[in-house]
């Protein structure tokens, strides 16, 4: 494999994982989310605490491969 920038053949290919959290956006919390969260904590404190501690985390992980030139540091997706 040859670097696109400098033309060197000193290139390593590696797997890169990208982690994304699934959170609500700003407008959700400004207009609606804070009210639901507050009511759940007031009326369902113990179940809400258990869900917060042991509930599933909404995290997505994607893996893609990148090539990295060892001479100039340029990286690109393969």
Protein backbone atom coordinates (compact mmCIF):
# COMPACT_ATOMS: atom_id res chain seq x y z
CA UNK A 1 0.00 0.00 0.00
CA UNK A 2 1.29 3.47 -0.86
CA UNK A 3 0.64 6.75 0.98
CA UNK A 4 -1.45 9.20 -1.01
CA UNK A 5 0.39 12.23 0.35
CA UNK A 6 4.11 11.35 0.34
CA UNK A 7 4.22 8.18 -1.79
CA UNK A 8 5.91 6.08 0.89
CA UNK A 9 5.20 2.37 1.24
CA UNK A 10 5.81 2.42 5.01
CA UNK A 11 2.09 2.14 5.88
CA UNK A 12 0.35 0.31 8.73
CA UNK A 13 -3.28 -0.80 8.59
CA UNK A 14 -5.19 -0.96 11.87
CA UNK A 15 -8.73 -1.40 13.16
CA UNK A 16 -10.23 1.65 14.86
CA UNK A 17 -13.35 1.51 17.02
CA UNK A 18 -15.63 4.54 17.41
CA UNK A 19 -17.93 4.63 20.45
CA UNK A 20 -21.11 6.70 20.37
CA UNK A 21 -23.47 7.25 23.30
CA UNK A 22 -27.16 7.47 22.55
CA UNK A 23 -28.22 10.52 24.55
CA UNK A 24 -31.09 12.89 24.03
CA UNK A 25 -30.43 16.25 22.46
CA UNK A 26 -30.56 19.75 23.88
CA UNK A 27 -34.12 20.56 22.76
CA UNK A 28 -35.46 17.34 24.28
CA UNK A 29 -34.11 18.29 27.70
CA UNK A 30 -35.14 21.95 27.44
CA UNK A 31 -38.76 21.30 26.54
CA UNK A 32 -39.73 17.84 27.73
CA UNK A 33 -37.04 15.60 29.24
CA UNK A 34 -36.44 17.43 32.49
CA UNK A 35 -40.11 17.11 33.43
CA UNK A 36 -40.25 13.37 32.81
CA UNK A 37 -36.98 12.81 34.63
CA UNK A 38 -38.14 14.85 37.62
CA UNK A 39 -41.50 13.05 37.84
CA UNK A 40 -39.85 9.65 37.61
CA UNK A 41 -37.46 10.51 40.44
CA UNK A 42 -40.28 11.81 42.63
CA UNK A 43 -42.79 9.00 42.13
CA UNK A 44 -40.57 6.04 41.29
CA UNK A 45 -37.39 6.68 43.24
CA UNK A 46 -36.37 3.12 44.04
CA UNK A 47 -37.22 1.58 40.63
CA UNK A 48 -35.61 4.59 38.90
CA UNK A 49 -32.48 4.15 41.02
CA UNK A 50 -32.31 0.46 40.12
CA UNK A 51 -32.74 1.26 36.42
CA UNK A 52 -30.03 3.92 36.62
CA UNK A 53 -27.62 1.51 38.30
CA UNK A 54 -28.31 -1.72 36.45
CA UNK A 55 -30.10 -0.63 33.28
CA UNK A 56 -28.66 -1.14 29.84
CA UNK A 57 -26.34 1.51 28.53
CA UNK A 58 -27.23 2.69 25.06
CA UNK A 59 -23.79 2.68 23.49
CA UNK A 60 -23.00 1.86 19.89
CA UNK A 61 -19.57 0.80 18.73
CA UNK A 62 -18.50 0.82 15.12
CA UNK A 63 -15.23 -0.59 13.82
CA UNK A 64 -13.50 0.50 10.64
CA UNK A 65 -10.00 0.11 9.23
CA UNK A 66 -7.56 2.95 8.70
CA UNK A 67 -4.18 3.07 7.05
CA UNK A 68 -1.53 5.26 8.70
CA UNK A 69 1.64 6.39 6.96
CA UNK A 70 4.63 6.03 9.27
CA UNK A 71 6.62 8.76 7.52
CA UNK A 72 4.19 11.70 7.30
CA UNK A 73 1.36 10.62 9.65
CA UNK A 74 -1.37 10.86 7.05
CA UNK A 75 -4.31 8.53 7.73
CA UNK A 76 -7.18 7.40 5.54
CA UNK A 77 -9.97 4.85 5.58
CA UNK A 78 -9.39 1.60 3.77
